[in-house]
Amino acid sequence: SVPFLVRLFPAVLTKFVYLNFLAFPFFMDLRQPELLLNNTISLYLTTEPGVRVGIWHTVPGSRGAEARGKDQRWYEEALADTHPVIIYLHGNGGTR
């Protein structure tokens, strides 16, 4: 019966393979990473009309004291300096 159900409802299989309905840590608001991670803010990029991609910008620990209490503008300016940027693509689970 399982192959029959998978054939009828392929989205169910995707949910069980990728487990993208689970968010860890539980009950965390992913739009506010600063509650869990130091020196991190949430930003959004518009990739095409109607599509917004949420990202987290985390500065390295060596700049942690400098970043403490800063607003979004400071983080955006930090992206424009000469330090390298590492982009981590975690997959297609639909969460950060």
Protein backbone atom coordinates (compact mmCIF):
# COMPACT_ATOMS: atom_id res chain seq x y z
CA SER A 1 0.00 0.00 0.00
CA VAL A 2 2.95 2.37 0.56
CA PRO A 3 3.96 2.55 -3.13
CA PHE A 4 0.34 3.24 -4.01
CA LEU A 5 0.12 6.09 -1.49
CA VAL A 6 3.42 7.55 -2.71
CA ARG A 7 2.12 7.44 -6.27
CA LEU A 8 -1.07 9.25 -5.23
CA PHE A 9 0.60 11.76 -2.91
CA PRO A 10 4.23 12.45 -3.98
CA ALA A 11 4.42 15.52 -1.72
CA VAL A 12 4.10 13.25 1.31
CA LEU A 13 7.24 11.38 0.27
CA THR A 14 9.15 14.64 -0.08
CA LYS A 15 8.13 15.68 3.42
CA PHE A 16 9.45 12.42 4.87
CA VAL A 17 12.68 12.44 2.86
CA TYR A 18 13.64 16.07 3.54
CA LEU A 19 11.78 16.56 6.85
CA ASN A 20 11.36 20.23 5.98
CA PHE A 21 8.33 20.52 8.26
CA LEU A 22 10.67 20.28 11.26
CA ALA A 23 12.45 23.39 12.44
CA PHE A 24 15.31 23.01 14.87
CA PRO A 25 15.71 24.45 17.40
CA PHE A 26 12.03 24.08 18.07
CA PHE A 27 9.84 27.17 18.54
CA MET A 28 12.51 29.58 17.28
CA ASP A 29 11.54 32.55 15.16
CA LEU A 30 14.00 32.32 12.26
CA ARG A 31 13.43 36.00 11.45
CA GLN A 32 15.22 36.88 14.71
CA PRO A 33 18.50 34.92 14.72
CA GLU A 34 20.09 37.36 17.16
CA LEU A 35 18.12 35.65 19.93
CA LEU A 36 20.13 32.47 19.36
CA LEU A 37 23.30 33.49 17.49
CA ASN A 38 25.66 36.32 18.39
CA ASN A 39 26.53 38.94 15.74
CA THR A 40 23.77 37.80 13.35
CA ILE A 41 20.88 39.60 11.68
CA SER A 42 18.21 38.56 9.21
CA LEU A 43 18.15 40.15 5.75
CA TYR A 44 16.06 39.55 2.64
CA LEU A 45 17.10 39.55 -1.01
CA THR A 46 14.64 39.95 -3.89
CA THR A 47 15.86 37.55 -6.55
CA GLU A 48 13.03 38.16 -9.02
CA PRO A 49 9.61 39.80 -8.84
CA GLY A 50 7.58 38.08 -6.15
CA VAL A 51 10.48 35.99 -4.78
CA ARG A 52 12.23 36.98 -1.56
CA VAL A 53 15.05 34.91 -0.12
CA GLY A 54 15.79 35.20 3.57
CA ILE A 55 19.45 35.22 4.59
CA TRP A 56 21.41 35.54 7.79
CA HIS A 57 24.46 37.75 7.94
CA THR A 58 26.91 36.69 10.65
CA VAL A 59 30.11 38.62 11.22
CA PRO A 60 33.16 36.73 12.50
CA GLY A 61 33.88 36.54 16.20
CA SER A 62 36.87 38.86 15.77
CA ARG A 63 34.42 41.66 14.94
CA GLY A 64 31.88 40.60 17.57
CA ALA A 65 32.58 43.43 20.01
CA GLU A 66 32.34 45.94 17.18
CA ALA A 67 29.01 44.47 15.95
CA ARG A 68 27.31 44.40 19.35
CA GLY A 69 24.27 46.69 19.36
CA LYS A 70 24.63 47.77 15.72
CA ASP A 71 21.69 48.15 13.35
CA GLN A 72 21.06 46.66 9.92
CA ARG A 73 22.91 49.47 8.13
CA TRP A 74 26.16 48.59 9.93
CA TYR A 75 25.84 44.96 8.81
CA GLU A 76 25.20 46.03 5.21
CA GLU A 77 28.29 48.24 5.27
CA ALA A 78 30.28 45.34 6.72
CA LEU A 79 29.37 43.32 3.62
CA ALA A 80 30.90 46.02 1.43
CA ASP A 81 34.32 46.10 3.10
CA THR A 82 37.39 44.19 1.89
CA HIS A 83 36.86 41.10 4.06
CA PRO A 84 35.91 37.89 2.22
CA VAL A 85 32.30 36.68 2.32
CA ILE A 86 31.48 33.00 2.74
CA ILE A 87 28.12 31.89 1.37
CA TYR A 88 26.74 28.71 2.86
CA LEU A 89 23.90 27.07 0.90
CA HIS A 90 22.22 24.61 3.23
CA GLY A 91 19.84 22.89 0.81
CA ASN A 92 16.26 23.06 -0.34
CA GLY A 93 14.33 22.38 2.84
CA GLY A 94 12.54 25.74 2.74
CA THR A 95 13.93 26.89 6.09
CA ARG A 96 17.11 28.55 7.23
